[in-house]
Protein backbone atom coordinates (compact mmCIF):
# COMPACT_ATOMS: atom_id res chain seq x y z
CA UNK A 1 -6.62 -57.13 3.72
CA UNK A 2 -5.16 -58.89 6.82
CA UNK A 3 -5.79 -57.02 10.13
CA UNK A 4 -4.69 -58.07 13.62
CA UNK A 5 -6.42 -56.52 16.73
CA UNK A 6 -4.84 -56.61 20.06
CA UNK A 7 -6.33 -56.24 23.56
CA UNK A 8 -5.21 -57.62 26.82
CA UNK A 9 -8.31 -59.81 27.30
CA UNK A 10 -10.29 -61.82 24.80
CA UNK A 11 -13.44 -60.01 23.87
CA UNK A 12 -15.64 -62.99 24.73
CA UNK A 13 -13.90 -63.39 28.09
CA UNK A 14 -15.89 -65.81 30.40
CA UNK A 15 -15.19 -63.28 33.38
CA UNK A 16 -16.48 -60.34 31.24
CA UNK A 17 -13.29 -58.37 31.82
CA UNK A 18 -12.35 -55.52 29.62
CA UNK A 19 -15.51 -53.37 30.17
CA UNK A 20 -16.71 -51.17 27.20
CA UNK A 21 -13.54 -51.94 25.08
CA UNK A 22 -14.45 -55.66 25.05
CA UNK A 23 -17.97 -54.78 23.92
CA UNK A 24 -16.54 -52.51 21.21
CA UNK A 25 -13.98 -55.14 20.08
CA UNK A 26 -16.80 -57.79 19.86
CA UNK A 27 -18.95 -55.54 17.63
CA UNK A 28 -15.91 -54.67 15.39
CA UNK A 29 -14.92 -58.42 14.93
CA UNK A 30 -18.45 -59.31 14.12
CA UNK A 31 -18.83 -56.58 11.49
CA UNK A 32 -15.42 -57.20 9.84
CA UNK A 33 -16.15 -60.93 9.95
CA UNK A 34 -18.77 -60.37 7.38
CA UNK A 35 -16.39 -58.78 4.78
CA UNK A 36 -15.07 -61.29 2.36
CA UNK A 37 -12.06 -59.26 1.48
CA UNK A 38 -10.89 -58.92 5.05
CA UNK A 39 -9.18 -61.53 7.25
CA UNK A 40 -9.30 -60.65 10.87
CA UNK A 41 -7.17 -62.04 13.77
CA UNK A 42 -7.11 -61.28 17.57
CA UNK A 43 -4.40 -61.56 20.12
CA UNK A 44 -4.41 -61.08 23.91
CA UNK A 45 -1.61 -61.24 26.52
CA UNK A 46 -0.98 -60.64 30.26
CA UNK A 47 -3.50 -63.13 31.72
CA UNK A 48 -2.26 -66.65 30.77
CA UNK A 49 0.63 -68.23 32.72
CA UNK A 50 2.03 -71.65 33.05
CA UNK A 51 2.45 -73.53 36.37
CA UNK A 52 5.47 -73.90 36.86
CA UNK A 53 6.74 -70.85 34.99
CA UNK A 54 8.06 -71.27 31.52
CA UNK A 55 9.27 -69.22 28.63
CA UNK A 56 7.22 -66.55 27.04
CA UNK A 57 5.47 -68.03 23.90
CA UNK A 58 2.25 -67.70 21.92
CA UNK A 59 -0.37 -70.29 20.87
CA UNK A 60 -3.80 -70.54 19.57
CA UNK A 61 -6.68 -69.78 22.10
CA UNK A 62 -7.61 -73.01 23.76
CA UNK A 63 -10.19 -71.91 26.30
CA UNK A 64 -13.35 -69.84 26.59
CA UNK A 65 -16.02 -69.04 24.00
CA UNK A 66 -13.45 -68.42 21.22
CA UNK A 67 -11.37 -71.54 21.91
CA UNK A 68 -10.05 -73.24 18.85
CA UNK A 69 -11.62 -70.46 16.63
CA UNK A 70 -9.44 -69.64 13.55
CA UNK A 71 -7.06 -66.79 13.99
CA UNK A 72 -7.60 -66.26 17.81
CA UNK A 73 -4.33 -66.31 19.80
CA UNK A 74 -2.78 -65.44 23.17
CA UNK A 75 0.59 -64.87 24.46
CA UNK A 76 1.56 -67.07 27.48
CA UNK A 77 3.87 -65.95 30.37
CA UNK A 78 4.05 -62.26 29.33
CA UNK A 79 6.52 -60.23 31.25
CA UNK A 80 3.75 -57.53 31.50
CA UNK A 81 0.80 -58.41 33.73
CA UNK A 82 -2.61 -57.16 32.68
CA UNK A 83 -4.66 -55.25 33.56
CA UNK A 84 -2.31 -52.27 34.14
CA UNK A 85 -2.80 -52.13 38.05
CA UNK A 86 -1.58 -55.61 38.48
CA UNK A 87 2.00 -54.41 37.54
CA UNK A 88 1.58 -50.70 38.59
CA UNK A 89 4.45 -48.81 37.01
CA UNK A 90 6.65 -51.75 36.37
CA UNK A 91 9.25 -50.88 33.74
CA UNK A 92 8.58 -54.14 31.91
CA UNK A 93 5.68 -52.06 30.53
CA UNK A 94 8.16 -50.14 28.75
CA UNK A 95 10.39 -52.90 27.56
CA UNK A 96 10.58 -56.66 28.08
CA UNK A 97 12.80 -58.34 25.55
CA UNK A 98 11.37 -61.93 25.87
CA UNK A 99 7.80 -60.73 25.44
CA UNK A 100 8.67 -58.53 22.59
CA UNK A 101 10.40 -61.42 20.90
CA UNK A 102 7.43 -63.61 21.35
CA UNK A 103 5.15 -60.90 19.80
CA UNK A 104 7.57 -60.47 16.85
CA UNK A 105 7.63 -64.27 16.36
CA UNK A 106 3.92 -64.43 16.44
CA UNK A 107 3.68 -61.69 13.68
CA UNK A 108 6.35 -63.43 11.78
CA UNK A 109 4.58 -66.81 11.81
CA UNK A 110 0.91 -65.64 11.37
CA UNK A 111 1.45 -62.38 9.16
CA UNK A 112 2.42 -60.24 7.69
CA UNK A 113 -0.42 -57.93 8.47
CA UNK A 114 -1.56 -54.91 6.43
CA UNK A 115 -2.79 -53.34 9.86
CA UNK A 116 -2.10 -54.12 13.50
CA UNK A 117 -4.65 -52.22 15.60
CA UNK A 118 -3.81 -51.98 19.25
CA UNK A 119 -7.06 -51.30 21.26
CA UNK A 120 -4.81 -51.25 24.28
CA UNK A 121 -1.12 -52.00 25.05
CA UNK A 122 -1.67 -53.45 28.43
CA UNK A 123 -0.19 -56.92 28.73
CA UNK A 124 2.60 -56.14 26.20
CA UNK A 125 5.67 -53.77 26.61
CA UNK A 126 5.17 -50.72 24.59
CA UNK A 127 8.36 -51.56 22.70
CA UNK A 128 6.18 -54.07 20.79
CA UNK A 129 5.01 -51.08 18.73
CA UNK A 130 8.41 -50.92 17.17
CA UNK A 131 7.30 -53.58 14.69
CA UNK A 132 7.78 -51.42 11.71
CA UNK A 133 11.48 -51.92 11.93
CA UNK A 134 10.83 -55.46 10.77
CA UNK A 135 7.51 -54.84 8.85
CA UNK A 136 7.74 -51.33 7.47
CA UNK A 137 4.55 -51.64 5.28
CA UNK A 138 2.39 -52.62 8.24
CA UNK A 139 0.11 -49.82 9.41
CA UNK A 140 0.27 -49.36 13.26
CA UNK A 141 -2.92 -48.07 14.89
CA UNK A 142 -3.33 -47.13 18.53
CA UNK A 143 -6.66 -46.42 20.10
CA UNK A 144 -6.76 -44.51 23.34
CA UNK A 145 -9.66 -45.85 25.41
CA UNK A 146 -7.94 -44.88 28.63
CA UNK A 147 -4.80 -43.01 29.64
CA UNK A 148 -2.38 -45.87 30.21
CA UNK A 149 0.55 -44.34 28.32
CA UNK A 150 0.49 -41.32 30.64
CA UNK A 151 -0.77 -42.73 33.85
CA UNK A 152 0.02 -46.24 35.29
CA UNK A 153 -3.41 -46.15 36.99
CA UNK A 154 -4.80 -45.55 33.45
CA UNK A 155 -7.43 -42.88 34.69
CA UNK A 156 -5.58 -40.13 36.41
CA UNK A 157 -7.39 -41.01 39.66
CA UNK A 158 -4.91 -40.47 42.49
CA UNK A 159 -5.06 -42.92 45.39
CA UNK A 160 -8.71 -43.66 44.41
CA UNK A 161 -10.03 -40.45 45.69
CA UNK A 162 -9.26 -37.50 43.43
CA UNK A 163 -8.29 -36.48 39.78
CA UNK A 164 -4.52 -36.29 39.38
CA UNK A 165 -3.68 -33.03 37.70
CA UNK A 166 0.20 -33.12 38.07
CA UNK A 167 2.24 -36.22 38.76
CA UNK A 168 4.88 -33.95 40.45
CA UNK A 169 7.65 -35.55 38.49
CA UNK A 170 6.57 -39.01 39.41
CA UNK A 171 6.26 -38.50 43.20
CA UNK A 172 2.53 -38.89 43.15
CA UNK A 173 2.77 -42.06 41.11
CA UNK A 174 5.07 -43.45 43.74
CA UNK A 175 2.44 -42.65 46.42
CA UNK A 176 -0.49 -43.91 44.38
CA UNK A 177 -1.32 -47.66 44.61
CA UNK A 178 2.11 -49.28 44.22
CA UNK A 179 1.65 -51.52 47.22
CA UNK A 180 -1.62 -53.00 46.37
CA UNK A 181 -0.65 -56.04 44.45
CA UNK A 182 1.66 -59.00 44.73
CA UNK A 183 2.84 -59.81 41.17
CA UNK A 184 3.97 -63.34 42.14
CA UNK A 185 0.61 -64.18 43.69
CA UNK A 186 -1.18 -62.76 40.66
CA UNK A 187 0.83 -64.96 38.36
CA UNK A 188 0.12 -68.03 40.46
CA UNK A 189 -3.58 -67.20 40.48
CA UNK A 190 -3.63 -66.57 36.63
CA UNK A 191 -1.52 -69.82 36.20
CA UNK A 192 -4.22 -71.85 38.12
CA UNK A 193 -7.05 -70.10 36.24
CA UNK A 194 -5.29 -70.91 32.92
CA UNK A 195 -4.76 -74.55 33.66
CA UNK A 196 -8.41 -75.05 34.91
CA UNK A 197 -9.74 -73.31 31.81
CA UNK A 198 -7.79 -75.48 29.53
CA UNK A 199 -9.06 -78.45 31.41
CA UNK A 200 -12.56 -77.42 30.35
CA UNK A 201 -13.69 -75.68 33.63
CA UNK A 202 -15.06 -72.27 33.11
CA UNK A 203 -15.07 -69.44 35.69
CA UNK A 204 -18.43 -69.43 37.57
CA UNK A 205 -18.82 -73.07 37.24
CA UNK A 206 -18.87 -75.14 40.55
CA UNK A 207 -15.87 -77.14 39.55
CA UNK A 208 -13.78 -74.13 38.68
CA UNK A 209 -14.79 -72.01 41.73
CA UNK A 210 -14.28 -74.91 44.14
CA UNK A 211 -10.82 -75.99 42.66
CA UNK A 212 -9.57 -72.33 42.36
CA UNK A 213 -10.53 -71.38 45.96
CA UNK A 214 -8.96 -74.47 47.58
CA UNK A 215 -5.85 -74.61 45.68
CA UNK A 216 -5.17 -70.90 46.23
CA UNK A 217 -5.96 -71.34 49.91
CA UNK A 218 -3.56 -74.18 50.18
CA UNK A 219 -1.01 -72.16 48.24
CA UNK A 220 -1.16 -69.20 50.43
CA UNK A 221 -0.54 -71.49 53.45
CA UNK A 222 2.44 -73.02 51.81
CA UNK A 223 3.87 -69.71 50.94
CA UNK A 224 3.27 -68.62 54.48
CA UNK A 225 5.02 -71.76 55.85
CA UNK A 226 7.99 -71.40 53.49
CA UNK A 227 8.52 -67.60 54.74
CA UNK A 228 8.50 -68.78 58.36
CA UNK A 229 10.94 -71.55 57.57
CA UNK A 230 13.37 -69.08 56.02
CA UNK A 231 13.05 -66.82 58.95
CA UNK A 232 13.95 -69.67 61.25
CA UNK A 233 16.92 -70.90 59.23
CA UNK A 234 18.26 -67.40 58.53
CA UNK A 235 21.49 -66.62 60.44
CA UNK A 236 21.06 -64.25 63.31
CA UNK A 237 22.61 -60.82 62.74
CA UNK A 238 24.00 -58.90 65.72
CA UNK A 239 23.15 -55.48 64.05
CA UNK A 240 20.09 -55.53 61.81
CA UNK A 241 20.64 -53.69 58.55
CA UNK A 242 19.48 -50.08 58.52
CA UNK A 243 16.22 -49.44 56.77
CA UNK A 244 16.25 -46.86 54.09
CA UNK A 245 13.55 -45.06 52.12
CA UNK A 246 14.44 -43.26 49.08
CA UNK A 247 11.56 -42.33 46.97
CA UNK A 248 13.55 -40.53 44.32
CA UNK A 249 14.49 -43.55 42.14
CA UNK A 250 10.83 -44.71 42.41
CA UNK A 251 9.68 -41.35 41.14
CA UNK A 252 12.40 -41.30 38.47
CA UNK A 253 10.89 -44.67 37.19
CA UNK A 254 7.55 -43.08 36.56
CA UNK A 255 9.16 -40.19 34.79
CA UNK A 256 10.99 -42.63 32.48
CA UNK A 257 7.83 -44.68 31.99
CA UNK A 258 5.75 -41.76 30.71
CA UNK A 259 8.55 -40.34 28.53
CA UNK A 260 9.27 -43.75 26.89
CA UNK A 261 5.54 -44.43 26.35
CA UNK A 262 5.07 -41.13 24.45
CA UNK A 263 8.30 -41.35 22.63
CA UNK A 264 7.59 -44.92 21.40
CA UNK A 265 4.02 -44.06 20.23
CA UNK A 266 5.14 -41.02 18.43
CA UNK A 267 7.98 -42.99 16.70
CA UNK A 268 5.93 -46.00 15.72
CA UNK A 269 2.24 -45.37 15.30
CA UNK A 270 0.75 -44.09 11.96
CA UNK A 271 -2.49 -42.95 13.83
CA UNK A 272 -3.71 -42.65 17.35
CA UNK A 273 -7.52 -42.92 17.54
CA UNK A 274 -8.93 -40.80 20.40
CA UNK A 275 -12.47 -41.76 21.41
CA UNK A 276 -13.49 -38.22 22.10
CA UNK A 277 -12.15 -34.81 21.59
CA UNK A 278 -11.43 -34.56 25.33
CA UNK A 279 -9.21 -37.58 25.01
CA UNK A 280 -7.40 -36.05 21.98
CA UNK A 281 -6.72 -32.82 24.01
CA UNK A 282 -5.29 -34.79 26.87
CA UNK A 283 -3.17 -36.92 24.52
CA UNK A 284 -1.67 -33.78 22.84
CA UNK A 285 -1.19 -32.19 26.19
CA UNK A 286 0.96 -35.10 27.42
CA UNK A 287 3.10 -35.13 24.31
CA UNK A 288 1.70 -37.22 21.60
CA UNK A 289 2.02 -35.73 18.21
CA UNK A 290 -1.01 -33.90 17.20
CA UNK A 291 -0.44 -34.78 13.53
CA UNK A 292 -1.18 -38.55 14.20
CA UNK A 293 -3.85 -37.99 16.98
CA UNK A 294 -7.42 -37.81 15.49
CA UNK A 295 -10.78 -37.91 17.23
CA UNK A 296 -12.71 -41.18 16.32
CA UNK A 297 -15.92 -41.76 18.10
CA UNK A 298 -16.46 -45.47 18.44
CA UNK A 299 -19.28 -47.30 16.66
CA UNK A 300 -22.15 -48.58 18.87
CA UNK A 301 -25.15 -50.77 18.29
CA UNK A 302 -26.88 -48.48 20.64
CA UNK A 303 -27.10 -45.97 17.69
CA UNK A 304 -30.11 -47.71 16.22
CA UNK A 305 -32.24 -46.48 19.16
CA UNK A 306 -31.47 -42.85 17.93
CA UNK A 307 -33.49 -43.57 14.70
CA UNK A 308 -36.53 -45.04 16.40
CA UNK A 309 -36.99 -42.62 19.28
CA UNK A 310 -38.28 -39.04 19.04
CA UNK A 311 -36.34 -36.24 20.58
CA UNK A 312 -37.63 -35.15 23.96
CA UNK A 313 -39.49 -31.97 23.41
CA UNK A 314 -39.59 -30.89 27.00
CA UNK A 315 -37.91 -31.98 30.25
CA UNK A 316 -40.69 -31.29 32.80
CA UNK A 317 -43.82 -33.45 33.33
CA UNK A 318 -47.24 -32.03 33.65
CA UNK A 319 -46.93 -31.74 37.48
CA UNK A 320 -43.73 -29.69 37.07
CA UNK A 321 -41.38 -32.41 38.20
CA UNK A 322 -38.79 -34.37 36.24
CA UNK A 323 -36.89 -37.64 36.81
CA UNK A 324 -33.12 -37.54 36.97
CA UNK A 325 -31.44 -40.88 36.14
CA UNK A 326 -28.06 -42.15 37.24
CA UNK A 327 -26.68 -45.35 35.67
CA UNK A 328 -23.46 -47.20 36.65
CA UNK A 329 -21.67 -47.59 39.96
CA UNK A 330 -21.91 -46.01 43.39
CA UNK A 331 -18.24 -44.88 43.15
CA UNK A 332 -16.54 -41.80 43.90
CA UNK A 333 -14.86 -41.55 40.48
CA UNK A 334 -18.17 -41.92 38.81
CA UNK A 335 -19.57 -38.96 40.79
CA UNK A 336 -22.18 -40.74 42.72
CA UNK A 337 -20.97 -39.45 46.21
CA UNK A 338 -20.88 -35.99 44.72
CA UNK A 339 -24.28 -36.44 43.36
CA UNK A 340 -25.64 -37.34 46.76
CA UNK A 341 -23.94 -34.25 48.17
CA UNK A 342 -25.59 -32.07 45.47
CA UNK A 343 -29.00 -33.44 45.87
CA UNK A 344 -28.77 -33.15 49.64
CA UNK A 345 -27.86 -29.45 49.06
CA UNK A 346 -30.78 -28.68 46.80
CA UNK A 347 -33.23 -26.04 48.43
CA UNK A 348 -36.43 -27.58 49.56
CA UNK A 349 -38.48 -25.92 46.94
CA UNK A 350 -36.29 -27.45 44.19
CA UNK A 351 -35.85 -30.79 45.87
CA UNK A 352 -39.59 -31.60 46.03
CA UNK A 353 -39.83 -31.31 42.28
CA UNK A 354 -36.98 -33.73 41.48
CA UNK A 355 -37.53 -37.46 41.17
CA UNK A 356 -34.29 -39.61 41.24
CA UNK A 357 -33.65 -42.95 39.81
CA UNK A 358 -30.31 -44.56 40.69
CA UNK A 359 -29.69 -47.84 38.75
CA UNK A 360 -26.57 -49.20 40.49
CA UNK A 361 -25.46 -52.10 42.66
CA UNK A 362 -26.20 -51.52 46.26
CA UNK A 363 -23.44 -49.57 48.10
CA UNK A 364 -22.19 -49.82 51.63
CA UNK A 365 -24.32 -49.20 54.70
CA UNK A 366 -23.42 -45.45 55.03
CA UNK A 367 -24.29 -44.77 51.24
CA UNK A 368 -27.56 -46.63 51.38
CA UNK A 369 -28.57 -44.71 54.64
CA UNK A 370 -27.90 -41.38 52.88
CA UNK A 371 -29.94 -42.62 49.78
CA UNK A 372 -32.85 -43.44 52.02
CA UNK A 373 -32.71 -40.19 53.80
CA UNK A 374 -32.59 -38.32 50.53
CA UNK A 375 -35.81 -40.02 49.52
CA UNK A 376 -37.68 -37.96 52.20
CA UNK A 377 -36.62 -34.77 50.49
CA UNK A 378 -37.33 -35.53 46.84
CA UNK A 379 -40.51 -35.94 45.03
CA UNK A 380 -39.62 -39.60 44.49
CA UNK A 381 -36.66 -41.89 44.82
CA UNK A 382 -36.26 -45.31 43.04
CA UNK A 383 -33.13 -47.52 43.59
CA UNK A 384 -32.69 -50.35 41.01
CA UNK A 385 -30.02 -52.80 42.34
CA UNK A 386 -28.11 -53.12 39.12
CA UNK A 387 -29.44 -53.81 35.58
CA UNK A 388 -28.70 -55.70 32.52
CA UNK A 389 -29.09 -54.56 28.96
CA UNK A 390 -32.23 -56.59 28.69
CA UNK A 391 -33.72 -54.11 31.25
CA UNK A 392 -32.46 -51.00 29.62
CA UNK A 393 -35.47 -50.12 27.57
CA UNK A 394 -37.96 -50.33 30.46
CA UNK A 395 -35.49 -48.62 32.96
CA UNK A 396 -34.75 -45.55 30.58
CA UNK A 397 -38.51 -45.05 29.63
CA UNK A 398 -39.06 -43.46 32.98
CA UNK A 399 -36.00 -41.15 32.95
CA UNK A 400 -36.38 -37.48 31.66
CA UNK A 401 -32.72 -36.34 32.15
CA UNK A 402 -29.66 -38.53 32.41
CA UNK A 403 -26.89 -37.22 34.74
CA UNK A 404 -23.16 -38.07 34.13
CA UNK A 405 -21.45 -36.46 37.20
CA UNK A 406 -17.90 -38.01 36.77
CA UNK A 407 -15.04 -36.68 38.70
CA UNK A 408 -12.35 -38.04 36.38
CA UNK A 409 -11.59 -37.63 32.69
CA UNK A 410 -14.03 -40.45 31.58
CA UNK A 411 -13.09 -40.87 28.03
CA UNK A 412 -16.73 -41.47 26.68
CA UNK A 413 -19.01 -43.24 29.08
CA UNK A 414 -21.03 -46.08 27.74
CA UNK A 415 -23.96 -45.05 29.88
CA UNK A 416 -23.95 -41.59 28.29
CA UNK A 417 -24.23 -43.14 24.88
CA UNK A 418 -27.04 -45.37 25.96
CA UNK A 419 -29.10 -42.53 27.27
CA UNK A 420 -28.29 -40.14 24.41
CA UNK A 421 -29.10 -42.76 21.81
CA UNK A 422 -32.61 -42.88 23.16
CA UNK A 423 -32.90 -39.04 22.92
CA UNK A 424 -32.67 -38.63 26.78
CA UNK A 425 -30.98 -35.25 27.48
CA UNK A 426 -27.71 -35.24 29.50
CA UNK A 427 -26.69 -33.21 32.43
CA UNK A 428 -22.97 -33.70 32.57
CA UNK A 429 -19.80 -32.68 34.24
CA UNK A 430 -17.28 -30.87 32.30
CA UNK A 431 -14.76 -33.69 32.51
CA UNK A 432 -14.34 -36.39 29.79
CA UNK A 433 -16.34 -36.96 26.56
CA UNK A 434 -19.96 -37.19 27.55
CA UNK A 435 -20.42 -33.29 27.16
CA UNK A 436 -19.69 -33.72 23.49
CA UNK A 437 -22.73 -35.87 22.76
CA UNK A 438 -25.08 -32.94 23.27
CA UNK A 439 -22.83 -29.85 22.93
CA UNK A 440 -25.15 -27.78 25.07
CA UNK A 441 -23.20 -25.66 27.67
CA UNK A 442 -26.44 -25.04 29.54
CA UNK A 443 -26.47 -28.56 30.50
CA UNK A 444 -22.87 -28.75 31.71
CA UNK A 445 -21.47 -27.89 35.12
CA UNK A 446 -17.93 -27.96 36.51
CA UNK A 447 -17.04 -31.40 37.85
CA UNK A 448 -17.46 -31.49 41.65
CA UNK A 449 -19.20 -28.04 42.02
CA UNK A 450 -22.29 -28.56 44.07
CA UNK A 451 -23.53 -24.88 43.69
CA UNK A 452 -23.12 -25.14 39.81
CA UNK A 453 -24.98 -28.44 39.67
CA UNK A 454 -27.89 -27.01 41.84
CA UNK A 455 -27.96 -23.94 39.52
CA UNK A 456 -28.41 -26.28 36.52
CA UNK A 457 -31.33 -28.15 38.39
CA UNK A 458 -32.87 -24.66 39.02
CA UNK A 459 -32.52 -23.83 35.26
CA UNK A 460 -34.19 -27.12 34.28
CA UNK A 461 -37.13 -26.68 36.72
CA UNK A 462 -37.71 -23.04 35.35
CA UNK A 463 -38.17 -24.60 31.90
CA UNK A 464 -35.22 -22.47 30.49
CA UNK A 465 -33.48 -25.12 28.49
CA UNK A 466 -34.27 -24.69 24.75
CA UNK A 467 -34.87 -28.27 23.66
CA UNK A 468 -35.05 -27.39 19.98
CA UNK A 469 -31.51 -25.88 20.23
CA UNK A 470 -30.32 -28.88 22.41
CA UNK A 471 -31.10 -31.43 19.73
CA UNK A 472 -29.89 -29.24 16.71
CA UNK A 473 -26.50 -29.16 18.47
CA UNK A 474 -26.46 -32.72 19.44
CA UNK A 475 -24.23 -35.34 17.86
CA UNK A 476 -25.87 -38.40 16.50
CA UNK A 477 -24.25 -41.55 17.83
CA UNK A 478 -21.80 -43.22 15.49
CA UNK A 479 -23.36 -46.37 13.91
CA UNK A 480 -21.18 -49.46 13.48
CA UNK A 481 -21.52 -49.09 9.62
CA UNK A 482 -20.17 -45.65 9.84
CA UNK A 483 -17.31 -46.49 12.23
CA UNK A 484 -16.26 -49.56 10.13
CA UNK A 485 -16.18 -47.36 7.12
CA UNK A 486 -13.95 -44.80 8.91
CA UNK A 487 -11.71 -47.47 10.16
CA UNK A 488 -11.26 -48.98 6.66
CA UNK A 489 -10.35 -45.47 5.46
CA UNK A 490 -7.59 -45.28 8.05
CA UNK A 491 -6.35 -48.78 7.29
CA UNK A 492 -5.94 -48.04 3.58
CA UNK A 493 -2.20 -48.18 2.63
CA UNK A 494 -0.39 -44.86 1.90
CA UNK A 495 -0.41 -44.22 -1.77
CA UNK A 496 3.21 -43.90 -3.22
CA UNK A 497 3.84 -40.39 -4.59
């Protein structure tokens, strides 16, 4: 069986881009690489650009940890920048003929493939999914690790401050983050990075960083000088042109984007794998065919910890306290600011029985001041300024309850899996997939609801959570073996009737 995987960034990227999807892709490639009857290839796009610009093309990967490895490729000069916010809402995300042609040429020259599995479509136009017109026997699988087909920001997080519940026929998209990036400047930066990496300089090395910083600095000065010269040489106009602002065409663009994304996926994908039931519900809500959308919890190497750790029999310690643990980032969407609000709102008699561990990179001065002040109210406060997976076992050993207070539809947070895999009970918001690991309504609160959060803390401190019932309802994390078996079932060709 020949399988092609696609994601916008290589899964061994030197800059560690791609987050949990790259980790997942790395695990899948490693597992399938051991199967003698499977040949696996990998393709990325949206990051590599020539200086000066040239035609869209594909070539074997020639940089990074996977350079010169068999069946590792990338598309150069894609008309669709990746990740998504680098070309926010650009209609090239829907259709870019030169990029689609390069992708089809790649499939023609390296295939045919039994399965092409897109773990993302960022970096390619969604029209690339229409490959069945040329290769009707190829299975097309699309995994929803985020909400890119429906939201150009990928996460329904409006203006980086609140969950987007209605895009108002595209008007809210037009007001979201459209002015945040200069596509031309990004392509220049990507082109310089691509050239340096092909020369053997890796991001993070002194040679790469020095060259990148100084060339980009000189480039910005040259661009600024060019703009000033154009202004000086521009003919003077007696009456400057009237400035107009018409948001309707911009809004219509986002309406078209969403409609075309949904239509193209429905018409061309055999299956859409949703990484949690919450994701599937959203996918169907936004128009994907429920017949092709199935829930497929990703496999994780963390599942091994579930077998070797015993279930927590109780949440409280002998002194009547418990340690609440937050892992991740001090960001609003992750719920950290809400969590500070909620812990500050705890009545004194509850606060003095709560220990809090925050494992997250240090935030701004105001956030750290709030955290310090909070330490005076709680039984104990510990801040760990970031952590690595090597630190995970020691860090989690001191946590009695993990908290996942997200304010967005977090598909299935990696930190939730890491905690759950070690039989650490989860207190979660009702958004996203984290709540599906335990399936315990008594440990779920409405996202952003301070009073409801405090009520859950009170229930825990009263010892009213039935831990036997909690673990009976809990979902065991999916092992890589189980997940690979499930994938191979999905990949099997349809039997002719």
